[in-house]
Amino acid sequence: MMFADPPMIFADSKVQAVFDRYREREAADMERMRALGPEGFAIRDEFLLPIGEEAGRFLHALILARRPARILELGTSYGYSTLFLADAAHSVGARVVSMDLADYKQAFARAMLEDAGLAGHVDFRLGDAVEMIGAESGPFDFVLLDIWKELYLPCFEAFYPKLAEEGVIAADNMIQPAMDRPEVRRFREAVRAKADLQTVLLPIGQGIELAVKWSAGNDKL
């Protein structure tokens, strides 16, 4: 039986070539996780746990439509989602600030972005996310939350005052995995308690909470 090649996602062949390498690693890591079974959970930090193509495409399209100037990514990890953000940022003249605590993950991400020709559009920050957000001047027009779920709420409380009017928040893993639901519930309750945030849960990928800041004085509607 003949199988078609995976579809092209990126217009730039260098970016697509890097994404194909992510696809290969994702498949290899999934196979290894299945082989390890429950033991794999203890070393899950070694695996590529990406947002997935559907969510990546959605975020890419959203950035192209919204045309943000500054994008904040909380959770560089191995750079899978950073590739989507940076490619869209390149198209609209934006910059990405990408934060992570793990130096080896961010080093991998940086190398991949360099191979894609997109590293110049990303400012990598290494360290404690809450502290680093506090050191940023803001404002941010687009925020992607894809970090350990116990950090969602403290990170939200740190960046919310720096979210631009009509700024967008996209938070991943709102539906899956099930083990994160208590932390996710606390985060979603905090977001929905803000009167100036219009928010909705989207069944894209593993679930994305999408919120837009729209203050009472905004008369564009």
C-alpha atoms as a PDB file:
ATOM      1  CA  MET A   1       0.000   0.000   0.000  1.00  0.00           C
ATOM      2  CA  MET A   2       1.286   3.462  -0.909  1.00  0.00           C
ATOM      3  CA  PHE A   3       1.092   6.248   1.654  1.00  0.00           C
ATOM      4  CA  ALA A   4       1.113   9.946   0.819  1.00  0.00           C
ATOM      5  CA  ASP A   5       3.849  12.135   2.242  1.00  0.00           C
ATOM      6  CA  PRO A   6       2.828  14.293   5.242  1.00  0.00           C
ATOM      7  CA  PRO A   7       1.262  17.575   4.099  1.00  0.00           C
ATOM      8  CA  MET A   8       3.329  20.730   3.856  1.00  0.00           C
ATOM      9  CA  ILE A   9       2.514  23.265   6.557  1.00  0.00           C
ATOM     10  CA  PHE A  10       5.090  26.017   6.096  1.00  0.00           C
ATOM     11  CA  ALA A  11       5.767  27.943   2.899  1.00  0.00           C
ATOM     12  CA  ASP A  12       9.496  28.228   3.622  1.00  0.00           C
ATOM     13  CA  SER A  13      11.258  24.952   2.816  1.00  0.00           C
ATOM     14  CA  LYS A  14      13.802  25.456   5.631  1.00  0.00           C
ATOM     15  CA  VAL A  15      11.031  25.844   8.195  1.00  0.00           C
ATOM     16  CA  GLN A  16       9.185  22.837   6.786  1.00  0.00           C
ATOM     17  CA  ALA A  17      12.359  20.725   6.925  1.00  0.00           C
ATOM     18  CA  VAL A  18      12.760  21.541  10.620  1.00  0.00           C
ATOM     19  CA  PHE A  19       9.111  20.747  11.273  1.00  0.00           C
ATOM     20  CA  ASP A  20       9.554  17.387   9.543  1.00  0.00           C
ATOM     21  CA  ARG A  21      12.342  16.659  12.027  1.00  0.00           C
ATOM     22  CA  TYR A  22       9.925  17.464  14.856  1.00  0.00           C
ATOM     23  CA  ARG A  23       7.428  15.054  13.313  1.00  0.00           C
ATOM     24  CA  GLU A  24      10.068  12.330  13.262  1.00  0.00           C
ATOM     25  CA  ARG A  25      11.071  12.940  16.865  1.00  0.00           C
ATOM     26  CA  GLU A  26       7.444  13.004  18.006  1.00  0.00           C
ATOM     27  CA  ALA A  27       6.814   9.619  16.385  1.00  0.00           C
ATOM     28  CA  ALA A  28       9.984   8.143  17.901  1.00  0.00           C
ATOM     29  CA  ASP A  29       9.204   9.522  21.358  1.00  0.00           C
ATOM     30  CA  MET A  30       5.635   8.212  21.238  1.00  0.00           C
ATOM     31  CA  GLU A  31       6.927   4.748  20.364  1.00  0.00           C
ATOM     32  CA  ARG A  32       9.425   4.882  23.216  1.00  0.00           C
ATOM     33  CA  MET A  33       6.746   6.033  25.669  1.00  0.00           C
ATOM     34  CA  ARG A  34       4.496   3.144  24.672  1.00  0.00           C
ATOM     35  CA  ALA A  35       7.373   0.713  25.147  1.00  0.00           C
ATOM     36  CA  LEU A  36       8.212   2.075  28.613  1.00  0.00           C
ATOM     37  CA  GLY A  37       4.626   2.108  29.835  1.00  0.00           C
ATOM     38  CA  PRO A  38       4.117   3.642  33.316  1.00  0.00           C
ATOM     39  CA  GLU A  39       7.886   3.929  33.778  1.00  0.00           C
ATOM     40  CA  GLY A  40       7.960   6.553  31.050  1.00  0.00           C
ATOM     41  CA  PHE A  41       6.043   9.014  33.219  1.00  0.00           C
ATOM     42  CA  ALA A  42       9.051   9.479  35.505  1.00  0.00           C
ATOM     43  CA  ILE A  43      11.189  10.669  32.585  1.00  0.00           C
ATOM     44  CA  ARG A  44       8.470  12.510  30.645  1.00  0.00           C
ATOM     45  CA  ASP A  45      10.654  15.629  30.516  1.00  0.00           C
ATOM     46  CA  GLU A  46      12.859  13.807  28.021  1.00  0.00           C
ATOM     47  CA  PHE A  47      10.017  13.426  25.533  1.00  0.00           C
ATOM     48  CA  LEU A  48       8.658  15.843  22.974  1.00  0.00           C
ATOM     49  CA  LEU A  49       5.119  16.561  24.206  1.00  0.00           C
ATOM     50  CA  PRO A  50       3.956  19.019  21.544  1.00  0.00           C
ATOM     51  CA  ILE A  51       0.789  21.026  21.166  1.00  0.00           C
ATOM     52  CA  GLY A  52       0.232  19.150  17.897  1.00  0.00           C
ATOM     53  CA  GLU A  53      -0.264  20.235  14.310  1.00  0.00           C
ATOM     54  CA  GLU A  54      -3.912  21.252  14.672  1.00  0.00           C
ATOM     55  CA  ALA A  55      -3.220  23.591  17.593  1.00  0.00           C
ATOM     56  CA  GLY A  56      -0.035  24.851  15.948  1.00  0.00           C
ATOM     57  CA  ARG A  57      -1.868  25.728  12.752  1.00  0.00           C
ATOM     58  CA  PHE A  58      -4.587  27.473  14.759  1.00  0.00           C
ATOM     59  CA  LEU A  59      -2.105  29.624  16.682  1.00  0.00           C
ATOM     60  CA  HIS A  60      -0.211  30.430  13.483  1.00  0.00           C
ATOM     61  CA  ALA A  61      -3.403  31.567  11.735  1.00  0.00           C
ATOM     62  CA  LEU A  62      -4.518  33.550  14.781  1.00  0.00           C
ATOM     63  CA  ILE A  63      -1.255  35.498  14.865  1.00  0.00           C
ATOM     64  CA  LEU A  64      -1.499  36.231  11.143  1.00  0.00           C
ATOM     65  CA  ALA A  65      -5.029  37.559  11.683  1.00  0.00           C
ATOM     66  CA  ARG A  66      -4.393  39.532  14.885  1.00  0.00           C
ATOM     67  CA  ARG A  67      -0.931  40.844  13.901  1.00  0.00           C
ATOM     68  CA  PRO A  68       0.450  41.204  17.453  1.00  0.00           C
ATOM     69  CA  ALA A  69       3.662  43.137  18.038  1.00  0.00           C
ATOM     70  CA  ARG A  70       4.925  41.150  21.057  1.00  0.00           C
ATOM     71  CA  ILE A  71       4.260  37.471  21.671  1.00  0.00           C
ATOM     72  CA  LEU A  72       4.983  35.762  24.989  1.00  0.00           C
ATOM     73  CA  GLU A  73       5.479  32.000  25.037  1.00  0.00           C
ATOM     74  CA  LEU A  74       5.508  30.398  28.470  1.00  0.00           C
ATOM     75  CA  GLY A  75       7.103  26.998  28.011  1.00  0.00           C
ATOM     76  CA  THR A  76       9.642  26.878  25.177  1.00  0.00           C
ATOM     77  CA  SER A  77      10.210  23.178  25.801  1.00  0.00           C
ATOM     78  CA  TYR A  78      11.901  21.724  22.702  1.00  0.00           C
ATOM     79  CA  GLY A  79      10.629  24.510  20.453  1.00  0.00           C
ATOM     80  CA  TYR A  80       7.779  22.803  18.578  1.00  0.00           C
ATOM     81  CA  SER A  81       5.240  25.551  19.261  1.00  0.00           C
ATOM     82  CA  THR A  82       7.985  28.193  19.076  1.00  0.00           C
ATOM     83  CA  LEU A  83       8.447  27.274  15.421  1.00  0.00           C
ATOM     84  CA  PHE A  84       4.799  28.095  14.662  1.00  0.00           C
ATOM     85  CA  LEU A  85       4.951  31.336  16.665  1.00  0.00           C
ATOM     86  CA  ALA A  86       8.239  32.477  15.137  1.00  0.00           C
ATOM     87  CA  ASP A  87       7.159  31.739  11.568  1.00  0.00           C
ATOM     88  CA  ALA A  88       3.973  33.760  12.049  1.00  0.00           C
ATOM     89  CA  ALA A  89       5.937  36.502  13.835  1.00  0.00           C
ATOM     90  CA  HIS A  90       8.272  36.699  10.850  1.00  0.00           C
ATOM     91  CA  SER A  91       5.264  37.225   8.574  1.00  0.00           C
ATOM     92  CA  VAL A  92       3.737  40.062  10.620  1.00  0.00           C
ATOM     93  CA  GLY A  93       6.890  41.741  11.935  1.00  0.00           C
ATOM     94  CA  ALA A  94       6.432  40.609  15.544  1.00  0.00           C
ATOM     95  CA  ARG A  95       8.878  39.331  18.158  1.00  0.00           C
ATOM     96  CA  VAL A  96       8.529  36.287  20.377  1.00  0.00           C
ATOM     97  CA  VAL A  97       9.736  36.190  23.982  1.00  0.00           C
ATOM     98  CA  SER A  98      10.010  32.501  24.878  1.00  0.00           C
ATOM     99  CA  MET A  99      10.603  31.384  28.474  1.00  0.00           C
ATOM    100  CA  ASP A 100      11.646  28.071  29.972  1.00  0.00           C
ATOM    101  CA  LEU A 101      13.419  26.712  33.040  1.00  0.00           C
ATOM    102  CA  ALA A 102      15.269  23.823  31.346  1.00  0.00           C
ATOM    103  CA  ASP A 103      18.485  24.903  29.637  1.00  0.00           C
ATOM    104  CA  TYR A 104      18.844  21.690  27.605  1.00  0.00           C
ATOM    105  CA  LYS A 105      15.346  22.062  26.164  1.00  0.00           C
ATOM    106  CA  GLN A 106      15.856  25.674  25.223  1.00  0.00           C
ATOM    107  CA  ALA A 107      19.257  24.900  23.686  1.00  0.00           C
ATOM    108  CA  PHE A 108      17.577  22.289  21.486  1.00  0.00           C
ATOM    109  CA  ALA A 109      14.834  24.765  20.548  1.00  0.00           C
ATOM    110  CA  ARG A 110      17.334  27.491  19.722  1.00  0.00           C
ATOM    111  CA  ALA A 111      19.301  25.161  17.432  1.00  0.00           C
ATOM    112  CA  MET A 112      16.133  24.113  15.611  1.00  0.00           C
ATOM    113  CA  LEU A 113      15.014  27.725  15.169  1.00  0.00           C
ATOM    114  CA  GLU A 114      18.464  28.618  13.843  1.00  0.00           C
ATOM    115  CA  ASP A 115      18.215  25.821  11.277  1.00  0.00           C
ATOM    116  CA  ALA A 116      14.802  27.176  10.276  1.00  0.00           C
ATOM    117  CA  GLY A 117      16.198  30.690   9.884  1.00  0.00           C
ATOM    118  CA  LEU A 118      13.811  32.021  12.533  1.00  0.00           C
ATOM    119  CA  ALA A 119      15.998  32.396  15.636  1.00  0.00           C
ATOM    120  CA  GLY A 120      16.351  36.116  14.961  1.00  0.00           C
ATOM    121  CA  HIS A 121      12.656  36.574  15.707  1.00  0.00           C
ATOM    122  CA  VAL A 122      12.834  34.978  19.172  1.00  0.00           C
ATOM    123  CA  ASP A 123      14.240  36.307  22.441  1.00  0.00           C
ATOM    124  CA  PHE A 124      14.923  33.276  24.629  1.00  0.00           C
ATOM    125  CA  ARG A 125      14.659  33.726  28.398  1.00  0.00           C
ATOM    126  CA  LEU A 126      15.960  31.046  30.767  1.00  0.00           C
ATOM    127  CA  GLY A 127      14.855  30.856  34.392  1.00  0.00           C
ATOM    128  CA  ASP A 128      11.816  31.094  36.654  1.00  0.00           C
ATOM    129  CA  ALA A 129       8.859  32.165  34.514  1.00  0.00           C
ATOM    130  CA  VAL A 130       7.065  34.218  37.172  1.00  0.00           C
ATOM    131  CA  GLU A 131      10.230  36.141  38.023  1.00  0.00           C
ATOM    132  CA  MET A 132      11.078  36.717  34.366  1.00  0.00           C
ATOM    133  CA  ILE A 133       7.568  37.957  33.584  1.00  0.00           C
ATOM    134  CA  GLY A 134       7.957  40.418  36.444  1.00  0.00           C
ATOM    135  CA  ALA A 135      11.156  41.723  34.867  1.00  0.00           C
ATOM    136  CA  GLU A 136       9.476  42.312  31.486  1.00  0.00           C
ATOM    137  CA  SER A 137       8.075  45.757  30.796  1.00  0.00           C
ATOM    138  CA  GLY A 138       5.189  44.627  28.593  1.00  0.00           C
ATOM    139  CA  PRO A 139       2.747  45.038  27.058  1.00  0.00           C
ATOM    140  CA  PHE A 140       2.171  41.658  25.430  1.00  0.00           C
ATOM    141  CA  ASP A 141      -0.333  41.300  22.606  1.00  0.00           C
ATOM    142  CA  PHE A 142      -0.412  37.495  22.489  1.00  0.00           C
ATOM    143  CA  VAL A 143       0.399  34.943  25.204  1.00  0.00           C
ATOM    144  CA  LEU A 144       0.727  31.179  24.806  1.00  0.00           C
ATOM    145  CA  LEU A 145       0.590  29.202  28.046  1.00  0.00           C
ATOM    146  CA  ASP A 146       1.999  25.704  27.668  1.00  0.00           C
ATOM    147  CA  ILE A 147       4.011  25.169  30.814  1.00  0.00           C
ATOM    148  CA  TRP A 148       3.641  22.850  33.817  1.00  0.00           C
ATOM    149  CA  LYS A 149       0.037  23.297  34.849  1.00  0.00           C
ATOM    150  CA  GLU A 150       0.734  24.255  38.466  1.00  0.00           C
ATOM    151  CA  LEU A 151       2.389  27.372  37.017  1.00  0.00           C
ATOM    152  CA  TYR A 152      -0.577  28.467  34.898  1.00  0.00           C
ATOM    153  CA  LEU A 153      -2.243  30.485  37.654  1.00  0.00           C
ATOM    154  CA  PRO A 154       0.878  32.246  39.042  1.00  0.00           C
ATOM    155  CA  CYS A 155       2.034  33.012  35.494  1.00  0.00           C
ATOM    156  CA  PHE A 156      -1.403  34.373  34.599  1.00  0.00           C
ATOM    157  CA  GLU A 157      -1.387  36.613  37.667  1.00  0.00           C
ATOM    158  CA  ALA A 158       2.075  37.860  36.661  1.00  0.00           C
ATOM    159  CA  PHE A 159       1.377  38.659  32.995  1.00  0.00           C
ATOM    160  CA  TYR A 160      -2.271  39.757  33.225  1.00  0.00           C
ATOM    161  CA  PRO A 161      -1.384  43.357  34.232  1.00  0.00           C
ATOM    162  CA  LYS A 162       0.926  43.467  31.189  1.00  0.00           C
ATOM    163  CA  LEU A 163      -1.625  42.154  28.693  1.00  0.00           C
ATOM    164  CA  ALA A 164      -2.396  44.752  26.026  1.00  0.00           C
ATOM    165  CA  GLU A 165      -5.936  45.873  25.302  1.00  0.00           C
ATOM    166  CA  GLU A 166      -7.388  43.358  22.819  1.00  0.00           C
ATOM    167  CA  GLY A 167      -4.501  41.063  23.719  1.00  0.00           C
ATOM    168  CA  VAL A 168      -5.026  37.319  23.307  1.00  0.00           C
ATOM    169  CA  ILE A 169      -4.327  34.480  25.746  1.00  0.00           C
ATOM    170  CA  ALA A 170      -4.167  30.903  24.443  1.00  0.00           C
ATOM    171  CA  ALA A 171      -3.779  28.235  27.139  1.00  0.00           C
ATOM    172  CA  ASP A 172      -3.139  24.639  26.085  1.00  0.00           C
ATOM    173  CA  ASN A 173      -4.137  21.327  27.751  1.00  0.00           C
ATOM    174  CA  MET A 174      -7.506  22.521  28.980  1.00  0.00           C
ATOM    175  CA  ILE A 175      -9.187  19.168  28.259  1.00  0.00           C
ATOM    176  CA  GLN A 176      -6.348  16.652  28.295  1.00  0.00           C
ATOM    177  CA  PRO A 177      -4.499  15.176  30.095  1.00  0.00           C
ATOM    178  CA  ALA A 178      -7.085  14.399  32.754  1.00  0.00           C
ATOM    179  CA  MET A 179      -4.548  14.444  35.598  1.00  0.00           C
ATOM    180  CA  ASP A 180      -4.086  18.207  35.127  1.00  0.00           C
ATOM    181  CA  ARG A 181      -7.760  19.101  35.459  1.00  0.00           C
ATOM    182  CA  PRO A 182      -7.643  20.380  39.080  1.00  0.00           C
ATOM    183  CA  GLU A 183      -4.943  22.936  38.183  1.00  0.00           C
ATOM    184  CA  VAL A 184      -6.693  23.731  34.907  1.00  0.00           C
ATOM    185  CA  ARG A 185      -9.964  24.353  36.753  1.00  0.00           C
ATOM    186  CA  ARG A 186      -8.315  26.870  39.078  1.00  0.00           C
ATOM    187  CA  PHE A 187      -6.741  28.654  36.134  1.00  0.00           C
ATOM    188  CA  ARG A 188      -9.979  28.828  34.155  1.00  0.00           C
ATOM    189  CA  GLU A 189     -11.881  30.130  37.175  1.00  0.00           C
ATOM    190  CA  ALA A 190      -9.327  32.924  37.587  1.00  0.00           C
ATOM    191  CA  VAL A 191      -9.528  33.861  33.903  1.00  0.00           C
ATOM    192  CA  ARG A 192     -13.315  33.868  33.877  1.00  0.00           C
ATOM    193  CA  ALA A 193     -13.385  36.035  37.004  1.00  0.00           C
ATOM    194  CA  LYS A 194     -11.808  38.912  35.085  1.00  0.00           C
ATOM    195  CA  ALA A 195     -14.548  41.215  33.816  1.00  0.00           C
ATOM    196  CA  ASP A 196     -12.421  42.453  30.918  1.00  0.00           C
ATOM    197  CA  LEU A 197     -11.606  39.002  29.517  1.00  0.00           C
ATOM    198  CA  GLN A 198     -13.893  37.400  26.950  1.00  0.00           C
ATOM    199  CA  THR A 199     -13.069  33.698  27.020  1.00  0.00           C
ATOM    200  CA  VAL A 200     -14.108  30.405  25.438  1.00  0.00           C
ATOM    201  CA  LEU A 201     -12.942  26.778  25.573  1.00  0.00           C
ATOM    202  CA  LEU A 202     -12.094  25.401  22.129  1.00  0.00           C
ATOM    203  CA  PRO A 203     -11.876  21.647  21.360  1.00  0.00           C
ATOM    204  CA  ILE A 204      -8.665  22.095  19.372  1.00  0.00           C
ATOM    205  CA  GLY A 205      -5.792  19.722  20.052  1.00  0.00           C
ATOM    206  CA  GLN A 206      -5.891  18.918  23.762  1.00  0.00           C
ATOM    207  CA  GLY A 207      -8.176  21.858  24.463  1.00  0.00           C
ATOM    208  CA  ILE A 208      -7.386  25.574  24.231  1.00  0.00           C
ATOM    209  CA  GLU A 209      -8.834  28.269  26.462  1.00  0.00           C
ATOM    210  CA  LEU A 210      -8.877  31.380  24.285  1.00  0.00           C
ATOM    211  CA  ALA A 211      -9.340  34.739  25.989  1.00  0.00           C
ATOM    212  CA  VAL A 212      -9.323  38.293  24.638  1.00  0.00           C
ATOM    213  CA  LYS A 213      -8.934  41.403  26.775  1.00  0.00           C
ATOM    214  CA  TRP A 214     -11.797  43.771  26.031  1.00  0.00           C
ATOM    215  CA  SER A 215     -12.190  46.525  28.612  1.00  0.00           C
ATOM    216  CA  ALA A 216     -15.426  48.355  29.355  1.00  0.00           C
ATOM    217  CA  GLY A 217     -14.168  51.525  27.676  1.00  0.00           C
ATOM    218  CA  ASN A 218     -13.407  49.775  24.389  1.00  0.00           C
ATOM    219  CA  ASP A 219     -16.100  51.020  21.991  1.00  0.00           C
ATOM    220  CA  LYS A 220     -15.040  49.125  18.864  1.00  0.00           C
ATOM    221  CA  LEU A 221     -18.005  46.745  19.045  1.00  0.00           C
END
